[in-house]
Amino acid sequence: MQDRSPLVVRVEASSAVARQLQDEPPAAVDSGDLVVEFFERPTPPKPMPVVMQVPSPEDLASRQDQLIAAVLAAGEGDEPLVINVDSADRLGDDAIEAALAINDSTMRSVILTVLDDG
């Protein structure tokens, strides 16, 4: 069985979430289960197909089953599965745990992109 890819969290480099993740990195960063990527505006991250988009990080936990179903429905493949969060000023433990569970549900790479400050 192949190893799972780490969850990739993409945030704008100057955002509140970027500062939070730099100042208080989640334990999943140390374990290698989560990788943070920073992007600069006005250059957004490379476009990729979006599996689902949620308004806030809290929706990751409250809609976790729906997000896992969307990830599983995407099937196998090489392209990463992208979940967009419309806006956030921080990623709480519940949101990170839900995102990690979503990532663990598939062998494909999962990218969580925070599009804007909350």
PDB file of N, CA and C in Angstrom:
ATOM      1  N   MET A   1       0.852  -1.185   0.000  1.00  0.00           N
ATOM      2  CA  MET A   1       0.000   0.000   0.000  1.00  0.00           C
ATOM      3  C   MET A   1       0.895   1.246   0.000  1.00  0.00           C
ATOM      4  N   GLN A   2       0.582   2.187  -0.855  1.00  0.00           N
ATOM      5  CA  GLN A   2       1.401   3.396  -0.938  1.00  0.00           C
ATOM      6  C   GLN A   2       1.072   4.336   0.215  1.00  0.00           C
ATOM      7  N   ASP A   3       2.038   5.151   0.590  1.00  0.00           N
ATOM      8  CA  ASP A   3       1.836   6.129   1.654  1.00  0.00           C
ATOM      9  C   ASP A   3       0.906   7.230   1.176  1.00  0.00           C
ATOM     10  N   ARG A   4       0.128   7.756   2.115  1.00  0.00           N
ATOM     11  CA  ARG A   4      -0.739   8.885   1.801  1.00  0.00           C
ATOM     12  C   ARG A   4       0.095  10.153   1.691  1.00  0.00           C
ATOM     13  N   SER A   5      -0.337  11.029   0.817  1.00  0.00           N
ATOM     14  CA  SER A   5       0.291  12.340   0.710  1.00  0.00           C
ATOM     15  C   SER A   5      -0.154  13.183   1.901  1.00  0.00           C
ATOM     16  N   PRO A   6       0.699  14.094   2.336  1.00  0.00           N
ATOM     17  CA  PRO A   6       0.253  14.988   3.404  1.00  0.00           C
ATOM     18  C   PRO A   6      -0.823  15.940   2.892  1.00  0.00           C
ATOM     19  N   LEU A   7      -1.664  16.412   3.785  1.00  0.00           N
ATOM     20  CA  LEU A   7      -2.619  17.452   3.459  1.00  0.00           C
ATOM     21  C   LEU A   7      -1.837  18.723   3.175  1.00  0.00           C
ATOM     22  N   VAL A   8      -2.152  19.389   2.075  1.00  0.00           N
ATOM     23  CA  VAL A   8      -1.506  20.656   1.738  1.00  0.00           C
ATOM     24  C   VAL A   8      -2.506  21.771   2.028  1.00  0.00           C
ATOM     25  N   VAL A   9      -2.089  22.734   2.849  1.00  0.00           N
ATOM     26  CA  VAL A   9      -2.911  23.904   3.140  1.00  0.00           C
ATOM     27  C   VAL A   9      -2.243  25.090   2.468  1.00  0.00           C
ATOM     28  N   ARG A  10      -2.966  25.710   1.511  1.00  0.00           N
ATOM     29  CA  ARG A  10      -2.427  26.874   0.788  1.00  0.00           C
ATOM     30  C   ARG A  10      -3.107  28.134   1.306  1.00  0.00           C
ATOM     31  N   VAL A  11      -2.271  29.104   1.698  1.00  0.00           N
ATOM     32  CA  VAL A  11      -2.786  30.367   2.211  1.00  0.00           C
ATOM     33  C   VAL A  11      -1.980  31.516   1.640  1.00  0.00           C
ATOM     34  N   GLU A  12      -2.626  32.674   1.539  1.00  0.00           N
ATOM     35  CA  GLU A  12      -1.904  33.860   1.099  1.00  0.00           C
ATOM     36  C   GLU A  12      -0.857  34.205   2.157  1.00  0.00           C
ATOM     37  N   ALA A  13       0.351  34.514   1.717  1.00  0.00           N
ATOM     38  CA  ALA A  13       1.487  34.712   2.625  1.00  0.00           C
ATOM     39  C   ALA A  13       1.259  35.807   3.656  1.00  0.00           C
ATOM     40  N   SER A  14       0.490  36.830   3.317  1.00  0.00           N
ATOM     41  CA  SER A  14       0.282  37.940   4.249  1.00  0.00           C
ATOM     42  C   SER A  14      -1.024  37.829   5.040  1.00  0.00           C
ATOM     43  N   SER A  15      -1.694  36.699   4.959  1.00  0.00           N
ATOM     44  CA  SER A  15      -2.999  36.543   5.592  1.00  0.00           C
ATOM     45  C   SER A  15      -2.895  36.236   7.087  1.00  0.00           C
ATOM     46  N   ALA A  16      -4.015  36.423   7.773  1.00  0.00           N
ATOM     47  CA  ALA A  16      -4.089  36.100   9.199  1.00  0.00           C
ATOM     48  C   ALA A  16      -3.862  34.604   9.423  1.00  0.00           C
ATOM     49  N   VAL A  17      -4.378  33.768   8.538  1.00  0.00           N
ATOM     50  CA  VAL A  17      -4.176  32.318   8.677  1.00  0.00           C
ATOM     51  C   VAL A  17      -2.693  31.974   8.513  1.00  0.00           C
ATOM     52  N   ALA A  18      -2.014  32.631   7.592  1.00  0.00           N
ATOM     53  CA  ALA A  18      -0.572  32.383   7.418  1.00  0.00           C
ATOM     54  C   ALA A  18       0.175  32.729   8.694  1.00  0.00           C
ATOM     55  N   ARG A  19      -0.158  33.876   9.293  1.00  0.00           N
ATOM     56  CA  ARG A  19       0.500  34.268  10.545  1.00  0.00           C
ATOM     57  C   ARG A  19       0.214  33.253  11.644  1.00  0.00           C
ATOM     58  N   GLN A  20      -1.045  32.806  11.725  1.00  0.00           N
ATOM     59  CA  GLN A  20      -1.412  31.815  12.737  1.00  0.00           C
ATOM     60  C   GLN A  20      -0.612  30.528  12.549  1.00  0.00           C
ATOM     61  N   LEU A  21      -0.542  30.035  11.320  1.00  0.00           N
ATOM     62  CA  LEU A  21       0.148  28.769  11.064  1.00  0.00           C
ATOM     63  C   LEU A  21       1.657  28.892  11.269  1.00  0.00           C
ATOM     64  N   GLN A  22       2.196  30.084  11.076  1.00  0.00           N
ATOM     65  CA  GLN A  22       3.621  30.287  11.344  1.00  0.00           C
ATOM     66  C   GLN A  22       3.885  30.430  12.844  1.00  0.00           C
ATOM     67  N   ASP A  23       3.006  31.155  13.544  1.00  0.00           N
ATOM     68  CA  ASP A  23       3.192  31.393  14.980  1.00  0.00           C
ATOM     69  C   ASP A  23       2.815  30.188  15.832  1.00  0.00           C
ATOM     70  N   GLU A  24       1.788  29.455  15.392  1.00  0.00           N
ATOM     71  CA  GLU A  24       1.277  28.310  16.151  1.00  0.00           C
ATOM     72  C   GLU A  24       1.084  27.119  15.205  1.00  0.00           C
ATOM     73  N   PRO A  25       2.185  26.535  14.702  1.00  0.00           N
ATOM     74  CA  PRO A  25       2.007  25.436  13.747  1.00  0.00           C
ATOM     75  C   PRO A  25       1.290  24.245  14.392  1.00  0.00           C
ATOM     76  N   PRO A  26       0.325  23.679  13.692  1.00  0.00           N
ATOM     77  CA  PRO A  26      -0.364  22.498  14.216  1.00  0.00           C
ATOM     78  C   PRO A  26       0.615  21.332  14.372  1.00  0.00           C
ATOM     79  N   ALA A  27       0.299  20.425  15.274  1.00  0.00           N
ATOM     80  CA  ALA A  27       1.148  19.246  15.493  1.00  0.00           C
ATOM     81  C   ALA A  27       1.313  18.440  14.210  1.00  0.00           C
ATOM     82  N   ALA A  28       0.303  18.485  13.344  1.00  0.00           N
ATOM     83  CA  ALA A  28       0.360  17.725  12.090  1.00  0.00           C
ATOM     84  C   ALA A  28       1.501  18.190  11.186  1.00  0.00           C
ATOM     85  N   VAL A  29       1.966  19.427  11.365  1.00  0.00           N
ATOM     86  CA  VAL A  29       3.111  19.916  10.587  1.00  0.00           C
ATOM     87  C   VAL A  29       4.364  19.150  11.016  1.00  0.00           C
ATOM     88  N   ASP A  30       4.560  19.025  12.330  1.00  0.00           N
ATOM     89  CA  ASP A  30       5.733  18.313  12.852  1.00  0.00           C
ATOM     90  C   ASP A  30       5.723  16.837  12.469  1.00  0.00           C
ATOM     91  N   SER A  31       4.534  16.238  12.418  1.00  0.00           N
ATOM     92  CA  SER A  31       4.443  14.811  12.085  1.00  0.00           C
ATOM     93  C   SER A  31       4.548  14.549  10.589  1.00  0.00           C
ATOM     94  N   GLY A  32       4.467  15.631   9.771  1.00  0.00           N
ATOM     95  CA  GLY A  32       4.531  15.471   8.322  1.00  0.00           C
ATOM     96  C   GLY A  32       3.187  15.194   7.678  1.00  0.00           C
ATOM     97  N   ASP A  33       2.098  15.239   8.475  1.00  0.00           N
ATOM     98  CA  ASP A  33       0.760  14.992   7.931  1.00  0.00           C
ATOM     99  C   ASP A  33       0.160  16.220   7.263  1.00  0.00           C
ATOM    100  N   LEU A  34       0.771  17.391   7.484  1.00  0.00           N
ATOM    101  CA  LEU A  34       0.255  18.641   6.942  1.00  0.00           C
ATOM    102  C   LEU A  34       1.430  19.500   6.493  1.00  0.00           C
ATOM    103  N   VAL A  35       1.299  20.054   5.299  1.00  0.00           N
ATOM    104  CA  VAL A  35       2.304  20.945   4.733  1.00  0.00           C
ATOM    105  C   VAL A  35       1.612  22.268   4.415  1.00  0.00           C
ATOM    106  N   VAL A  36       2.232  23.373   4.796  1.00  0.00           N
ATOM    107  CA  VAL A  36       1.665  24.693   4.508  1.00  0.00           C
ATOM    108  C   VAL A  36       2.423  25.295   3.333  1.00  0.00           C
ATOM    109  N   GLU A  37       1.672  25.761   2.335  1.00  0.00           N
ATOM    110  CA  GLU A  37       2.248  26.469   1.187  1.00  0.00           C
ATOM    111  C   GLU A  37       1.701  27.882   1.179  1.00  0.00           C
ATOM    112  N   PHE A  38       2.577  28.837   0.916  1.00  0.00           N
ATOM    113  CA  PHE A  38       2.184  30.237   0.889  1.00  0.00           C
ATOM    114  C   PHE A  38       2.197  30.729  -0.553  1.00  0.00           C
ATOM    115  N   PHE A  39       1.199  31.547  -0.902  1.00  0.00           N
ATOM    116  CA  PHE A  39       1.190  32.163  -2.217  1.00  0.00           C
ATOM    117  C   PHE A  39       1.063  33.665  -2.046  1.00  0.00           C
ATOM    118  N   GLU A  40       1.503  34.391  -3.049  1.00  0.00           N
ATOM    119  CA  GLU A  40       1.476  35.853  -3.021  1.00  0.00           C
ATOM    120  C   GLU A  40       0.357  36.368  -3.914  1.00  0.00           C
ATOM    121  N   ARG A  41      -0.283  37.415  -3.493  1.00  0.00           N
ATOM    122  CA  ARG A  41      -1.224  38.118  -4.358  1.00  0.00           C
ATOM    123  C   ARG A  41      -0.412  39.111  -5.177  1.00  0.00           C
ATOM    124  N   PRO A  42      -0.688  39.449  -6.360  1.00  0.00           N
ATOM    125  CA  PRO A  42      -1.899  39.114  -7.088  1.00  0.00           C
ATOM    126  C   PRO A  42      -1.820  37.771  -7.811  1.00  0.00           C
ATOM    127  N   THR A  43      -0.737  37.041  -7.650  1.00  0.00           N
ATOM    128  CA  THR A  43      -0.615  35.747  -8.315  1.00  0.00           C
ATOM    129  C   THR A  43      -1.287  34.683  -7.467  1.00  0.00           C
ATOM    130  N   PRO A  44      -2.457  34.221  -7.863  1.00  0.00           N
ATOM    131  CA  PRO A  44      -3.143  33.193  -7.085  1.00  0.00           C
ATOM    132  C   PRO A  44      -2.482  31.832  -7.297  1.00  0.00           C
ATOM    133  N   PRO A  45      -2.860  30.863  -6.481  1.00  0.00           N
ATOM    134  CA  PRO A  45      -2.323  29.520  -6.693  1.00  0.00           C
ATOM    135  C   PRO A  45      -2.733  28.971  -8.059  1.00  0.00           C
ATOM    136  N   LYS A  46      -1.956  28.034  -8.554  1.00  0.00           N
ATOM    137  CA  LYS A  46      -2.241  27.386  -9.841  1.00  0.00           C
ATOM    138  C   LYS A  46      -3.663  26.822  -9.824  1.00  0.00           C
ATOM    139  N   PRO A  47      -4.457  27.114 -10.851  1.00  0.00           N
ATOM    140  CA  PRO A  47      -5.827  26.600 -10.866  1.00  0.00           C
ATOM    141  C   PRO A  47      -5.847  25.075 -10.977  1.00  0.00           C
ATOM    142  N   MET A  48      -6.720  24.478 -10.205  1.00  0.00           N
ATOM    143  CA  MET A  48      -6.927  23.029 -10.243  1.00  0.00           C
ATOM    144  C   MET A  48      -8.416  22.779 -10.042  1.00  0.00           C
ATOM    145  N   PRO A  49      -8.888  21.620 -10.458  1.00  0.00           N
ATOM    146  CA  PRO A  49     -10.311  21.330 -10.280  1.00  0.00           C
ATOM    147  C   PRO A  49     -10.687  21.333  -8.793  1.00  0.00           C
ATOM    148  N   VAL A  50     -11.790  21.986  -8.488  1.00  0.00           N
ATOM    149  CA  VAL A  50     -12.260  22.083  -7.105  1.00  0.00           C
ATOM    150  C   VAL A  50     -13.324  21.011  -6.867  1.00  0.00           C
ATOM    151  N   VAL A  51     -13.110  20.193  -5.839  1.00  0.00           N
ATOM    152  CA  VAL A  51     -14.057  19.147  -5.465  1.00  0.00           C
ATOM    153  C   VAL A  51     -15.232  19.761  -4.728  1.00  0.00           C
ATOM    154  N   MET A  52     -14.931  20.731  -3.870  1.00  0.00           N
ATOM    155  CA  MET A  52     -15.980  21.380  -3.095  1.00  0.00           C
ATOM    156  C   MET A  52     -15.459  22.711  -2.564  1.00  0.00           C
ATOM    157  N   GLN A  53     -16.385  23.625  -2.328  1.00  0.00           N
ATOM    158  CA  GLN A  53     -16.048  24.926  -1.768  1.00  0.00           C
ATOM    159  C   GLN A  53     -16.968  25.167  -0.575  1.00  0.00           C
ATOM    160  N   VAL A  54     -16.373  25.617   0.543  1.00  0.00           N
ATOM    161  CA  VAL A  54     -17.145  25.892   1.748  1.00  0.00           C
ATOM    162  C   VAL A  54     -16.919  27.351   2.154  1.00  0.00           C
ATOM    163  N   PRO A  55     -17.900  27.961   2.825  1.00  0.00           N
ATOM    164  CA  PRO A  55     -17.766  29.364   3.193  1.00  0.00           C
ATOM    165  C   PRO A  55     -16.699  29.638   4.257  1.00  0.00           C
ATOM    166  N   SER A  56     -16.557  28.718   5.224  1.00  0.00           N
ATOM    167  CA  SER A  56     -15.655  28.979   6.345  1.00  0.00           C
ATOM    168  C   SER A  56     -15.009  27.686   6.824  1.00  0.00           C
ATOM    169  N   PRO A  57     -13.941  27.787   7.619  1.00  0.00           N
ATOM    170  CA  PRO A  57     -13.278  26.583   8.132  1.00  0.00           C
ATOM    171  C   PRO A  57     -14.198  25.734   9.011  1.00  0.00           C
ATOM    172  N   GLU A  58     -15.131  26.381   9.700  1.00  0.00           N
ATOM    173  CA  GLU A  58     -16.058  25.627  10.551  1.00  0.00           C
ATOM    174  C   GLU A  58     -16.873  24.618   9.739  1.00  0.00           C
ATOM    175  N   ASP A  59     -17.091  24.935   8.464  1.00  0.00           N
ATOM    176  CA  ASP A  59     -17.844  24.027   7.598  1.00  0.00           C
ATOM    177  C   ASP A  59     -17.075  22.747   7.292  1.00  0.00           C
ATOM    178  N   LEU A  60     -15.772  22.770   7.443  1.00  0.00           N
ATOM    179  CA  LEU A  60     -14.993  21.540   7.225  1.00  0.00           C
ATOM    180  C   LEU A  60     -15.423  20.472   8.215  1.00  0.00           C
ATOM    181  N   ALA A  61     -15.626  20.860   9.465  1.00  0.00           N
ATOM    182  CA  ALA A  61     -16.044  19.899  10.492  1.00  0.00           C
ATOM    183  C   ALA A  61     -17.525  19.562  10.361  1.00  0.00           C
ATOM    184  N   SER A  62     -18.368  20.585  10.168  1.00  0.00           N
ATOM    185  CA  SER A  62     -19.812  20.328  10.131  1.00  0.00           C
ATOM    186  C   SER A  62     -20.243  19.584   8.865  1.00  0.00           C
ATOM    187  N   ARG A  63     -19.460  19.699   7.792  1.00  0.00           N
ATOM    188  CA  ARG A  63     -19.799  19.023   6.530  1.00  0.00           C
ATOM    189  C   ARG A  63     -18.778  17.949   6.172  1.00  0.00           C
ATOM    190  N   GLN A  64     -18.070  17.457   7.174  1.00  0.00           N
ATOM    191  CA  GLN A  64     -16.993  16.489   6.941  1.00  0.00           C
ATOM    192  C   GLN A  64     -17.473  15.275   6.146  1.00  0.00           C
ATOM    193  N   ASP A  65     -18.623  14.697   6.514  1.00  0.00           N
ATOM    194  CA  ASP A  65     -19.119  13.511   5.795  1.00  0.00           C
ATOM    195  C   ASP A  65     -19.402  13.840   4.329  1.00  0.00           C
ATOM    196  N   GLN A  66     -19.974  14.988   4.074  1.00  0.00           N
ATOM    197  CA  GLN A  66     -20.267  15.412   2.701  1.00  0.00           C
ATOM    198  C   GLN A  66     -18.971  15.633   1.917  1.00  0.00           C
ATOM    199  N   LEU A  67     -17.967  16.212   2.567  1.00  0.00           N
ATOM    200  CA  LEU A  67     -16.676  16.435   1.908  1.00  0.00           C
ATOM    201  C   LEU A  67     -15.972  15.118   1.614  1.00  0.00           C
ATOM    202  N   ILE A  68     -16.031  14.183   2.539  1.00  0.00           N
ATOM    203  CA  ILE A  68     -15.428  12.866   2.297  1.00  0.00           C
ATOM    204  C   ILE A  68     -16.135  12.186   1.129  1.00  0.00           C
ATOM    205  N   ALA A  69     -17.464  12.276   1.079  1.00  0.00           N
ATOM    206  CA  ALA A  69     -18.213  11.673  -0.031  1.00  0.00           C
ATOM    207  C   ALA A  69     -17.800  12.313  -1.361  1.00  0.00           C
ATOM    208  N   ALA A  70     -17.596  13.624  -1.383  1.00  0.00           N
ATOM    209  CA  ALA A  70     -17.179  14.305  -2.621  1.00  0.00           C
ATOM    210  C   ALA A  70     -15.782  13.860  -3.045  1.00  0.00           C
ATOM    211  N   VAL A  71     -14.896  13.700  -2.082  1.00  0.00           N
ATOM    212  CA  VAL A  71     -13.534  13.246  -2.374  1.00  0.00           C
ATOM    213  C   VAL A  71     -13.561  11.813  -2.919  1.00  0.00           C
ATOM    214  N   LEU A  72     -14.344  10.957  -2.298  1.00  0.00           N
ATOM    215  CA  LEU A  72     -14.440   9.564  -2.762  1.00  0.00           C
ATOM    216  C   LEU A  72     -15.100   9.480  -4.131  1.00  0.00           C
ATOM    217  N   ALA A  73     -16.085  10.351  -4.388  1.00  0.00           N
ATOM    218  CA  ALA A  73     -16.763  10.356  -5.687  1.00  0.00           C
ATOM    219  C   ALA A  73     -15.825  10.786  -6.807  1.00  0.00           C
ATOM    220  N   ALA A  74     -14.794  11.521  -6.466  1.00  0.00           N
ATOM    221  CA  ALA A  74     -13.823  11.959  -7.482  1.00  0.00           C
ATOM    222  C   ALA A  74     -13.016  10.781  -8.025  1.00  0.00           C
ATOM    223  N   GLY A  75     -13.007   9.678  -7.301  1.00  0.00           N
ATOM    224  CA  GLY A  75     -12.336   8.467  -7.780  1.00  0.00           C
ATOM    225  C   GLY A  75     -10.825   8.568  -7.748  1.00  0.00           C
ATOM    226  N   GLU A  76     -10.214   7.653  -8.495  1.00  0.00           N
ATOM    227  CA  GLU A  76      -8.754   7.594  -8.552  1.00  0.00           C
ATOM    228  C   GLU A  76      -8.235   8.579  -9.594  1.00  0.00           C
ATOM    229  N   GLY A  77      -6.965   8.878  -9.477  1.00  0.00           N
ATOM    230  CA  GLY A  77      -6.341   9.761 -10.444  1.00  0.00           C
ATOM    231  C   GLY A  77      -5.081  10.365  -9.879  1.00  0.00           C
ATOM    232  N   ASP A  78      -4.411  11.135 -10.714  1.00  0.00           N
ATOM    233  CA  ASP A  78      -3.157  11.755 -10.302  1.00  0.00           C
ATOM    234  C   ASP A  78      -3.324  13.204  -9.877  1.00  0.00           C
ATOM    235  N   GLU A  79      -4.377  13.874 -10.347  1.00  0.00           N
ATOM    236  CA  GLU A  79      -4.571  15.278 -10.010  1.00  0.00           C
ATOM    237  C   GLU A  79      -4.983  15.426  -8.554  1.00  0.00           C
ATOM    238  N   PRO A  80      -4.470  16.455  -7.901  1.00  0.00           N
ATOM    239  CA  PRO A  80      -4.902  16.710  -6.521  1.00  0.00           C
ATOM    240  C   PRO A  80      -6.379  17.071  -6.460  1.00  0.00           C
ATOM    241  N   LEU A  81      -6.975  16.808  -5.316  1.00  0.00           N
ATOM    242  CA  LEU A  81      -8.356  17.180  -5.053  1.00  0.00           C
ATOM    243  C   LEU A  81      -8.335  18.459  -4.228  1.00  0.00           C
ATOM    244  N   VAL A  82      -8.992  19.499  -4.704  1.00  0.00           N
ATOM    245  CA  VAL A  82      -8.935  20.804  -4.056  1.00  0.00           C
ATOM    246  C   VAL A  82     -10.248  21.102  -3.341  1.00  0.00           C
ATOM    247  N   ILE A  83     -10.111  21.548  -2.111  1.00  0.00           N
ATOM    248  CA  ILE A  83     -11.243  22.049  -1.333  1.00  0.00           C
ATOM    249  C   ILE A  83     -10.923  23.501  -1.014  1.00  0.00           C
ATOM    250  N   ASN A  84     -11.801  24.403  -1.428  1.00  0.00           N
ATOM    251  CA  ASN A  84     -11.597  25.824  -1.167  1.00  0.00           C
ATOM    252  C   ASN A  84     -12.417  26.271   0.039  1.00  0.00           C
ATOM    253  N   VAL A  85     -11.795  27.120   0.854  1.00  0.00           N
ATOM    254  CA  VAL A  85     -12.488  27.807   1.948  1.00  0.00           C
ATOM    255  C   VAL A  85     -12.560  29.270   1.533  1.00  0.00           C
ATOM    256  N   ASP A  86     -13.778  29.818   1.443  1.00  0.00           N
ATOM    257  CA  ASP A  86     -13.948  31.182   0.960  1.00  0.00           C
ATOM    258  C   ASP A  86     -13.157  32.197   1.775  1.00  0.00           C
ATOM    259  N   SER A  87     -13.282  32.150   3.098  1.00  0.00           N
ATOM    260  CA  SER A  87     -12.528  33.097   3.919  1.00  0.00           C
ATOM    261  C   SER A  87     -12.321  32.532   5.318  1.00  0.00           C
ATOM    262  N   ALA A  88     -11.213  32.963   5.917  1.00  0.00           N
ATOM    263  CA  ALA A  88     -10.876  32.525   7.271  1.00  0.00           C
ATOM    264  C   ALA A  88      -9.877  33.493   7.871  1.00  0.00           C
ATOM    265  N   ASP A  89      -9.987  33.697   9.176  1.00  0.00           N
ATOM    266  CA  ASP A  89      -8.951  34.458   9.862  1.00  0.00           C
ATOM    267  C   ASP A  89      -8.099  33.548  10.728  1.00  0.00           C
ATOM    268  N   ARG A  90      -8.534  32.281  10.862  1.00  0.00           N
ATOM    269  CA  ARG A  90      -7.720  31.263  11.517  1.00  0.00           C
ATOM    270  C   ARG A  90      -8.293  29.887  11.186  1.00  0.00           C
ATOM    271  N   LEU A  91      -7.459  28.868  11.342  1.00  0.00           N
ATOM    272  CA  LEU A  91      -7.904  27.485  11.200  1.00  0.00           C
ATOM    273  C   LEU A  91      -7.852  26.851  12.584  1.00  0.00           C
ATOM    274  N   GLY A  92      -9.013  26.584  13.146  1.00  0.00           N
ATOM    275  CA  GLY A  92      -9.084  25.975  14.470  1.00  0.00           C
ATOM    276  C   GLY A  92      -8.752  24.494  14.416  1.00  0.00           C
ATOM    277  N   ASP A  93      -8.563  23.922  15.596  1.00  0.00           N
ATOM    278  CA  ASP A  93      -8.224  22.500  15.693  1.00  0.00           C
ATOM    279  C   ASP A  93      -9.276  21.612  15.035  1.00  0.00           C
ATOM    280  N   ASP A  94     -10.571  21.945  15.211  1.00  0.00           N
ATOM    281  CA  ASP A  94     -11.639  21.137  14.609  1.00  0.00           C
ATOM    282  C   ASP A  94     -11.543  21.139  13.088  1.00  0.00           C
ATOM    283  N   ALA A  95     -11.256  22.302  12.511  1.00  0.00           N
ATOM    284  CA  ALA A  95     -11.137  22.407  11.055  1.00  0.00           C
ATOM    285  C   ALA A  95      -9.936  21.614  10.554  1.00  0.00           C
ATOM    286  N   ILE A  96      -8.826  21.713  11.257  1.00  0.00           N
ATOM    287  CA  ILE A  96      -7.623  20.971  10.847  1.00  0.00           C
ATOM    288  C   ILE A  96      -7.842  19.473  10.981  1.00  0.00           C
ATOM    289  N   GLU A  97      -8.452  19.042  12.083  1.00  0.00           N
ATOM    290  CA  GLU A  97      -8.733  17.612  12.265  1.00  0.00           C
ATOM    291  C   GLU A  97      -9.667  17.093  11.178  1.00  0.00           C
ATOM    292  N   ALA A  98     -10.695  17.872  10.831  1.00  0.00           N
ATOM    293  CA  ALA A  98     -11.629  17.461   9.771  1.00  0.00           C
ATOM    294  C   ALA A  98     -10.902  17.373   8.430  1.00  0.00           C
ATOM    295  N   ALA A  99     -10.065  18.360   8.133  1.00  0.00           N
ATOM    296  CA  ALA A  99      -9.321  18.342   6.872  1.00  0.00           C
ATOM    297  C   ALA A  99      -8.375  17.144   6.807  1.00  0.00           C
ATOM    298  N   LEU A 100      -7.747  16.819   7.921  1.00  0.00           N
ATOM    299  CA  LEU A 100      -6.864  15.636   7.953  1.00  0.00           C
ATOM    300  C   LEU A 100      -7.665  14.350   7.736  1.00  0.00           C
ATOM    301  N   ALA A 101      -8.866  14.269   8.311  1.00  0.00           N
ATOM    302  CA  ALA A 101      -9.719  13.087   8.108  1.00  0.00           C
ATOM    303  C   ALA A 101     -10.144  12.977   6.646  1.00  0.00           C
ATOM    304  N   ILE A 102     -10.450  14.108   6.026  1.00  0.00           N
ATOM    305  CA  ILE A 102     -10.808  14.106   4.604  1.00  0.00           C
ATOM    306  C   ILE A 102      -9.613  13.616   3.788  1.00  0.00           C
ATOM    307  N   ASN A 103      -8.437  14.116   4.111  1.00  0.00           N
ATOM    308  CA  ASN A 103      -7.216  13.693   3.414  1.00  0.00           C
ATOM    309  C   ASN A 103      -6.985  12.190   3.590  1.00  0.00           C
ATOM    310  N   ASP A 104      -7.245  11.678   4.788  1.00  0.00           N
ATOM    311  CA  ASP A 104      -7.032  10.254   5.066  1.00  0.00           C
ATOM    312  C   ASP A 104      -8.018   9.347   4.339  1.00  0.00           C
ATOM    313  N   SER A 105      -9.094   9.927   3.791  1.00  0.00           N
ATOM    314  CA  SER A 105     -10.118   9.113   3.133  1.00  0.00           C
ATOM    315  C   SER A 105      -9.755   8.747   1.693  1.00  0.00           C
ATOM    316  N   THR A 106      -8.666   9.287   1.174  1.00  0.00           N
ATOM    317  CA  THR A 106      -8.297   9.047  -0.224  1.00  0.00           C
ATOM    318  C   THR A 106      -6.791   8.867  -0.363  1.00  0.00           C
ATOM    319  N   MET A 107      -6.401   8.194  -1.407  1.00  0.00           N
ATOM    320  CA  MET A 107      -4.974   8.067  -1.714  1.00  0.00           C
ATOM    321  C   MET A 107      -4.495   9.247  -2.563  1.00  0.00           C
ATOM    322  N   ARG A 108      -5.432  10.048  -3.081  1.00  0.00           N
ATOM    323  CA  ARG A 108      -5.056  11.228  -3.870  1.00  0.00           C
ATOM    324  C   ARG A 108      -4.628  12.353  -2.952  1.00  0.00           C
ATOM    325  N   SER A 109      -3.846  13.260  -3.472  1.00  0.00           N
ATOM    326  CA  SER A 109      -3.447  14.443  -2.712  1.00  0.00           C
ATOM    327  C   SER A 109      -4.652  15.348  -2.518  1.00  0.00           C
ATOM    328  N   VAL A 110      -4.756  15.935  -1.335  1.00  0.00           N
ATOM    329  CA  VAL A 110      -5.817  16.882  -1.045  1.00  0.00           C
ATOM    330  C   VAL A 110      -5.164  18.230  -0.727  1.00  0.00           C
ATOM    331  N   ILE A 111      -5.690  19.268  -1.356  1.00  0.00           N
ATOM    332  CA  ILE A 111      -5.198  20.627  -1.130  1.00  0.00           C
ATOM    333  C   ILE A 111      -6.359  21.454  -0.590  1.00  0.00           C
ATOM    334  N   LEU A 112      -6.141  22.052   0.565  1.00  0.00           N
ATOM    335  CA  LEU A 112      -7.108  22.951   1.165  1.00  0.00           C
ATOM    336  C   LEU A 112      -6.608  24.363   0.947  1.00  0.00           C
ATOM    337  N   THR A 113      -7.366  25.164   0.198  1.00  0.00           N
ATOM    338  CA  THR A 113      -6.949  26.520  -0.111  1.00  0.00           C
ATOM    339  C   THR A 113      -7.860  27.515   0.587  1.00  0.00           C
ATOM    340  N   VAL A 114      -7.261  28.410   1.376  1.00  0.00           N
ATOM    341  CA  VAL A 114      -8.003  29.502   1.992  1.00  0.00           C
ATOM    342  C   VAL A 114      -7.899  30.681   1.038  1.00  0.00           C
ATOM    343  N   LEU A 115      -9.046  31.090   0.484  1.00  0.00           N
ATOM    344  CA  LEU A 115      -9.039  32.084  -0.583  1.00  0.00           C
ATOM    345  C   LEU A 115      -8.898  33.522  -0.098  1.00  0.00           C
ATOM    346  N   ASP A 116      -9.381  33.822   1.111  1.00  0.00           N
ATOM    347  CA  ASP A 116      -9.368  35.217   1.553  1.00  0.00           C
ATOM    348  C   ASP A 116      -9.372  35.290   3.066  1.00  0.00           C
ATOM    349  N   ASP A 117      -8.911  36.423   3.600  1.00  0.00           N
ATOM    350  CA  ASP A 117      -8.991  36.665   5.040  1.00  0.00           C
ATOM    351  C   ASP A 117     -10.441  36.790   5.455  1.00  0.00           C
ATOM    352  N   GLY A 118     -10.733  36.315   6.676  1.00  0.00           N
ATOM    353  CA  GLY A 118     -12.103  36.330   7.180  1.00  0.00           C
ATOM    354  C   GLY A 118     -12.535  37.564   7.767  1.00  0.00           C
TER     355      GLY A 118
END
